[in-house]
Amino acid sequence: MSFAPDILVTSRDGTSRSLVVEVKLSIHDLQTSEQQLKAYMVRHGYATGMLVTPDAVRIYRDTFASYEEGSVELVGAFSTAGVFEAGVASTIRAIEEPGLRGVHFEDEVQRWLEGLTNPSNLAALAPDLREAIEDHVVPALEQGEVRAAGPRASMRRTGT
């Protein structure tokens, strides 16, 4: 199956790429998910990547030591406890159509990313996550704009 990220941060004109984000409700095969994200980062020149689930945020950084996936390193895996608004998990579970659960969570992650340039939002994060976000994600966010990598709701509703 072909990998397609959910959220991208690029310059307004699309010429500079700084952050790629894969959002999943759950991960059944972490090794494959990581490999796909790392390959995408290397192939498309993204310095920072994230794999986000309702339970964890994993941050990756390409060292650009080579043009291979091995140059992408895991910065850290962090709990999402306190990251998303209270009730997000129960709201997602309450959505009857499974495809729309993912769309709702992608929207939530995008809103969270957009708010990370606000110092008060950063201050609310756990210290280890805040440090990783400040070092790797905020600089990427400041270089461009956060956008969906493709259409969300229309794809999920039609099952494509």
C-alpha atoms as a PDB file:
ATOM      1  CA  MET A   1       0.000   0.000   0.000  1.00  0.00           C
ATOM      2  CA  SER A   2       1.280   3.438  -0.949  1.00  0.00           C
ATOM      3  CA  PHE A   3       2.102   5.913   1.819  1.00  0.00           C
ATOM      4  CA  ALA A   4       0.320   9.256   1.821  1.00  0.00           C
ATOM      5  CA  PRO A   5       0.884  11.649   4.745  1.00  0.00           C
ATOM      6  CA  ASP A   6      -1.989  13.508   6.364  1.00  0.00           C
ATOM      7  CA  ILE A   7      -0.487  16.903   7.217  1.00  0.00           C
ATOM      8  CA  LEU A   8       2.345  18.886   5.645  1.00  0.00           C
ATOM      9  CA  VAL A   9       4.125  22.091   6.571  1.00  0.00           C
ATOM     10  CA  THR A  10       5.514  23.849   3.524  1.00  0.00           C
ATOM     11  CA  SER A  11       6.351  27.388   2.509  1.00  0.00           C
ATOM     12  CA  ARG A  12       3.418  29.303   1.059  1.00  0.00           C
ATOM     13  CA  ASP A  13       4.718  28.760  -2.473  1.00  0.00           C
ATOM     14  CA  GLY A  14       5.340  25.054  -1.805  1.00  0.00           C
ATOM     15  CA  THR A  15       9.045  25.184  -2.598  1.00  0.00           C
ATOM     16  CA  SER A  16      10.297  24.570   0.954  1.00  0.00           C
ATOM     17  CA  ARG A  17       9.241  21.484   2.932  1.00  0.00           C
ATOM     18  CA  SER A  18       9.753  21.361   6.677  1.00  0.00           C
ATOM     19  CA  LEU A  19       7.368  18.901   8.401  1.00  0.00           C
ATOM     20  CA  VAL A  20       5.418  15.807   7.381  1.00  0.00           C
ATOM     21  CA  VAL A  21       2.853  14.251   9.731  1.00  0.00           C
ATOM     22  CA  GLU A  22       1.160  10.860   9.631  1.00  0.00           C
ATOM     23  CA  VAL A  23      -1.946  10.634  11.821  1.00  0.00           C
ATOM     24  CA  LYS A  24      -3.317   7.237  12.806  1.00  0.00           C
ATOM     25  CA  LEU A  25      -6.025   6.165  15.213  1.00  0.00           C
ATOM     26  CA  SER A  26      -3.912   3.112  16.010  1.00  0.00           C
ATOM     27  CA  ILE A  27      -0.725   1.505  14.759  1.00  0.00           C
ATOM     28  CA  HIS A  28      -0.786  -2.211  14.086  1.00  0.00           C
ATOM     29  CA  ASP A  29       2.754  -2.398  12.676  1.00  0.00           C
ATOM     30  CA  LEU A  30       4.996   0.354  14.064  1.00  0.00           C
ATOM     31  CA  GLN A  31       8.045  -0.780  12.112  1.00  0.00           C
ATOM     32  CA  THR A  32       6.235  -0.497   8.763  1.00  0.00           C
ATOM     33  CA  SER A  33       4.663   2.854   9.687  1.00  0.00           C
ATOM     34  CA  GLU A  34       8.061   4.245  10.664  1.00  0.00           C
ATOM     35  CA  GLN A  35       9.725   2.888   7.529  1.00  0.00           C
ATOM     36  CA  GLN A  36       7.074   4.484   5.298  1.00  0.00           C
ATOM     37  CA  LEU A  37       7.372   7.858   7.057  1.00  0.00           C
ATOM     38  CA  LYS A  38      11.183   7.797   6.938  1.00  0.00           C
ATOM     39  CA  ALA A  39      11.187   6.857   3.243  1.00  0.00           C
ATOM     40  CA  TYR A  40       8.787   9.721   2.498  1.00  0.00           C
ATOM     41  CA  MET A  41      10.932  12.179   4.461  1.00  0.00           C
ATOM     42  CA  VAL A  42      14.070  11.193   2.552  1.00  0.00           C
ATOM     43  CA  ARG A  43      12.390  11.045  -0.859  1.00  0.00           C
ATOM     44  CA  HIS A  44      10.707  14.441  -0.502  1.00  0.00           C
ATOM     45  CA  GLY A  45      13.322  16.307   1.548  1.00  0.00           C
ATOM     46  CA  TYR A  46      11.482  16.789   4.850  1.00  0.00           C
ATOM     47  CA  ALA A  47      13.788  17.444   7.807  1.00  0.00           C
ATOM     48  CA  THR A  48      11.166  16.643  10.451  1.00  0.00           C
ATOM     49  CA  GLY A  49       8.458  14.019  10.654  1.00  0.00           C
ATOM     50  CA  MET A  50       5.808  13.032  13.152  1.00  0.00           C
ATOM     51  CA  LEU A  51       3.715   9.936  13.708  1.00  0.00           C
ATOM     52  CA  VAL A  52       0.723  10.852  15.872  1.00  0.00           C
ATOM     53  CA  THR A  53      -1.861   8.580  17.495  1.00  0.00           C
ATOM     54  CA  PRO A  54      -4.344   9.352  20.275  1.00  0.00           C
ATOM     55  CA  ASP A  55      -1.814   7.773  22.689  1.00  0.00           C
ATOM     56  CA  ALA A  56       1.606   8.894  21.447  1.00  0.00           C
ATOM     57  CA  VAL A  57       3.553  11.451  19.444  1.00  0.00           C
ATOM     58  CA  ARG A  58       6.732  10.190  17.780  1.00  0.00           C
ATOM     59  CA  ILE A  59       9.102  12.820  16.383  1.00  0.00           C
ATOM     60  CA  TYR A  60      11.737  12.059  13.735  1.00  0.00           C
ATOM     61  CA  ARG A  61      14.619  14.133  12.408  1.00  0.00           C
ATOM     62  CA  ASP A  62      16.563  13.598   9.189  1.00  0.00           C
ATOM     63  CA  THR A  63      20.270  14.148   9.824  1.00  0.00           C
ATOM     64  CA  PHE A  64      20.858  14.325   6.046  1.00  0.00           C
ATOM     65  CA  ALA A  65      23.941  12.134   6.585  1.00  0.00           C
ATOM     66  CA  SER A  66      22.863  10.123   3.537  1.00  0.00           C
ATOM     67  CA  TYR A  67      20.028   9.697   1.075  1.00  0.00           C
ATOM     68  CA  GLU A  68      18.853   6.580   2.900  1.00  0.00           C
ATOM     69  CA  GLU A  69      16.147   6.029   5.504  1.00  0.00           C
ATOM     70  CA  GLY A  70      18.888   5.298   8.027  1.00  0.00           C
ATOM     71  CA  SER A  71      19.655   9.012   8.175  1.00  0.00           C
ATOM     72  CA  VAL A  72      16.262   9.593   9.824  1.00  0.00           C
ATOM     73  CA  GLU A  73      16.437   9.205  13.592  1.00  0.00           C
ATOM     74  CA  LEU A  74      13.756   8.950  16.246  1.00  0.00           C
ATOM     75  CA  VAL A  75      13.970  12.025  18.482  1.00  0.00           C
ATOM     76  CA  GLY A  76      11.550  10.486  20.942  1.00  0.00           C
ATOM     77  CA  ALA A  77       8.183   8.921  21.659  1.00  0.00           C
ATOM     78  CA  PHE A  78       5.948  10.885  23.996  1.00  0.00           C
ATOM     79  CA  SER A  79       2.586  10.320  25.660  1.00  0.00           C
ATOM     80  CA  THR A  80      -0.269  12.486  24.426  1.00  0.00           C
ATOM     81  CA  ALA A  81      -1.739  12.716  27.929  1.00  0.00           C
ATOM     82  CA  GLY A  82      -2.901  16.326  28.250  1.00  0.00           C
ATOM     83  CA  VAL A  83      -2.051  17.155  24.615  1.00  0.00           C
ATOM     84  CA  PHE A  84      -5.498  17.085  23.045  1.00  0.00           C
ATOM     85  CA  GLU A  85      -8.623  18.671  24.455  1.00  0.00           C
ATOM     86  CA  ALA A  86     -10.465  16.635  27.058  1.00  0.00           C
ATOM     87  CA  GLY A  87     -13.060  14.398  25.494  1.00  0.00           C
ATOM     88  CA  VAL A  88     -11.409  14.054  22.078  1.00  0.00           C
ATOM     89  CA  ALA A  89     -10.972  10.284  22.467  1.00  0.00           C
ATOM     90  CA  SER A  90     -14.597   9.771  23.519  1.00  0.00           C
ATOM     91  CA  THR A  91     -15.811  12.030  20.698  1.00  0.00           C
ATOM     92  CA  ILE A  92     -13.817  10.011  18.164  1.00  0.00           C
ATOM     93  CA  ARG A  93     -15.193   6.722  19.520  1.00  0.00           C
ATOM     94  CA  ALA A  94     -18.747   8.102  19.321  1.00  0.00           C
ATOM     95  CA  ILE A  95     -18.524   8.742  15.575  1.00  0.00           C
ATOM     96  CA  GLU A  96     -20.339   5.842  13.926  1.00  0.00           C
ATOM     97  CA  GLU A  97     -18.655   5.869  10.512  1.00  0.00           C
ATOM     98  CA  PRO A  98     -15.086   4.529  10.992  1.00  0.00           C
ATOM     99  CA  GLY A  99     -13.561   6.623   8.184  1.00  0.00           C
ATOM    100  CA  LEU A 100     -14.837   9.813   9.757  1.00  0.00           C
ATOM    101  CA  ARG A 101     -13.117   8.980  13.067  1.00  0.00           C
ATOM    102  CA  GLY A 102      -9.772   9.371  11.331  1.00  0.00           C
ATOM    103  CA  VAL A 103     -10.857  12.613   9.667  1.00  0.00           C
ATOM    104  CA  HIS A 104     -11.915  14.066  13.019  1.00  0.00           C
ATOM    105  CA  PHE A 105      -8.600  13.112  14.618  1.00  0.00           C
ATOM    106  CA  GLU A 106      -6.599  14.527  11.696  1.00  0.00           C
ATOM    107  CA  ASP A 107      -8.473  17.818  12.109  1.00  0.00           C
ATOM    108  CA  GLU A 108      -7.704  17.778  15.845  1.00  0.00           C
ATOM    109  CA  VAL A 109      -3.991  17.140  15.233  1.00  0.00           C
ATOM    110  CA  GLN A 110      -3.847  19.925  12.649  1.00  0.00           C
ATOM    111  CA  ARG A 111      -5.462  22.398  15.080  1.00  0.00           C
ATOM    112  CA  TRP A 112      -2.977  21.316  17.761  1.00  0.00           C
ATOM    113  CA  LEU A 113      -0.013  21.841  15.418  1.00  0.00           C
ATOM    114  CA  GLU A 114      -1.290  25.271  14.372  1.00  0.00           C
ATOM    115  CA  GLY A 115      -1.452  26.287  18.038  1.00  0.00           C
ATOM    116  CA  LEU A 116       2.077  25.197  18.914  1.00  0.00           C
ATOM    117  CA  THR A 117       3.607  28.529  17.939  1.00  0.00           C
ATOM    118  CA  ASN A 118       1.702  30.062  20.878  1.00  0.00           C
ATOM    119  CA  PRO A 119       3.959  29.996  23.984  1.00  0.00           C
ATOM    120  CA  SER A 120       1.039  29.303  26.349  1.00  0.00           C
ATOM    121  CA  ASN A 121       0.147  26.153  24.389  1.00  0.00           C
ATOM    122  CA  LEU A 122       3.755  24.977  24.640  1.00  0.00           C
ATOM    123  CA  ALA A 123       3.852  25.667  28.370  1.00  0.00           C
ATOM    124  CA  ALA A 124       0.960  23.241  28.900  1.00  0.00           C
ATOM    125  CA  LEU A 125       2.955  20.295  27.493  1.00  0.00           C
ATOM    126  CA  ALA A 126       4.949  17.790  29.536  1.00  0.00           C
ATOM    127  CA  PRO A 127       8.574  18.996  29.814  1.00  0.00           C
ATOM    128  CA  ASP A 128      10.124  16.263  27.639  1.00  0.00           C
ATOM    129  CA  LEU A 129       7.536  16.694  24.879  1.00  0.00           C
ATOM    130  CA  ARG A 130       7.782  20.497  25.104  1.00  0.00           C
ATOM    131  CA  GLU A 131      11.559  20.371  24.653  1.00  0.00           C
ATOM    132  CA  ALA A 132      11.298  18.092  21.586  1.00  0.00           C
ATOM    133  CA  ILE A 133       8.517  20.243  20.095  1.00  0.00           C
ATOM    134  CA  GLU A 134      10.485  23.459  20.697  1.00  0.00           C
ATOM    135  CA  ASP A 135      13.679  21.989  19.212  1.00  0.00           C
ATOM    136  CA  HIS A 136      12.246  20.215  16.172  1.00  0.00           C
ATOM    137  CA  VAL A 137       8.604  21.049  15.433  1.00  0.00           C
ATOM    138  CA  VAL A 138       8.238  24.763  16.197  1.00  0.00           C
ATOM    139  CA  PRO A 139      11.096  25.746  13.846  1.00  0.00           C
ATOM    140  CA  ALA A 140       9.384  23.745  11.093  1.00  0.00           C
ATOM    141  CA  LEU A 141       6.034  25.410  11.837  1.00  0.00           C
ATOM    142  CA  GLU A 142       7.603  28.861  11.734  1.00  0.00           C
ATOM    143  CA  GLN A 143       8.956  28.190   8.226  1.00  0.00           C
ATOM    144  CA  GLY A 144       5.603  27.664   6.585  1.00  0.00           C
ATOM    145  CA  GLU A 145       1.940  26.894   6.861  1.00  0.00           C
ATOM    146  CA  VAL A 146       0.185  23.814   8.167  1.00  0.00           C
ATOM    147  CA  ARG A 147      -2.142  22.189   5.650  1.00  0.00           C
ATOM    148  CA  ALA A 148      -3.858  18.915   4.956  1.00  0.00           C
ATOM    149  CA  ALA A 149      -1.820  16.801   2.561  1.00  0.00           C
ATOM    150  CA  GLY A 150      -4.962  15.995   0.590  1.00  0.00           C
ATOM    151  CA  PRO A 151      -8.741  16.003   0.771  1.00  0.00           C
ATOM    152  CA  ARG A 152     -10.033  14.515   3.991  1.00  0.00           C
ATOM    153  CA  ALA A 153     -13.768  14.119   4.398  1.00  0.00           C
ATOM    154  CA  SER A 154     -14.618  13.471   0.761  1.00  0.00           C
ATOM    155  CA  MET A 155     -12.073  10.634   0.517  1.00  0.00           C
ATOM    156  CA  ARG A 156     -13.192   8.930   3.724  1.00  0.00           C
ATOM    157  CA  ARG A 157     -16.905   9.198   2.994  1.00  0.00           C
ATOM    158  CA  THR A 158     -16.568   7.633  -0.432  1.00  0.00           C
ATOM    159  CA  GLY A 159     -14.240   4.948   0.853  1.00  0.00           C
ATOM    160  CA  THR A 160     -11.312   5.816  -1.446  1.00  0.00           C
END
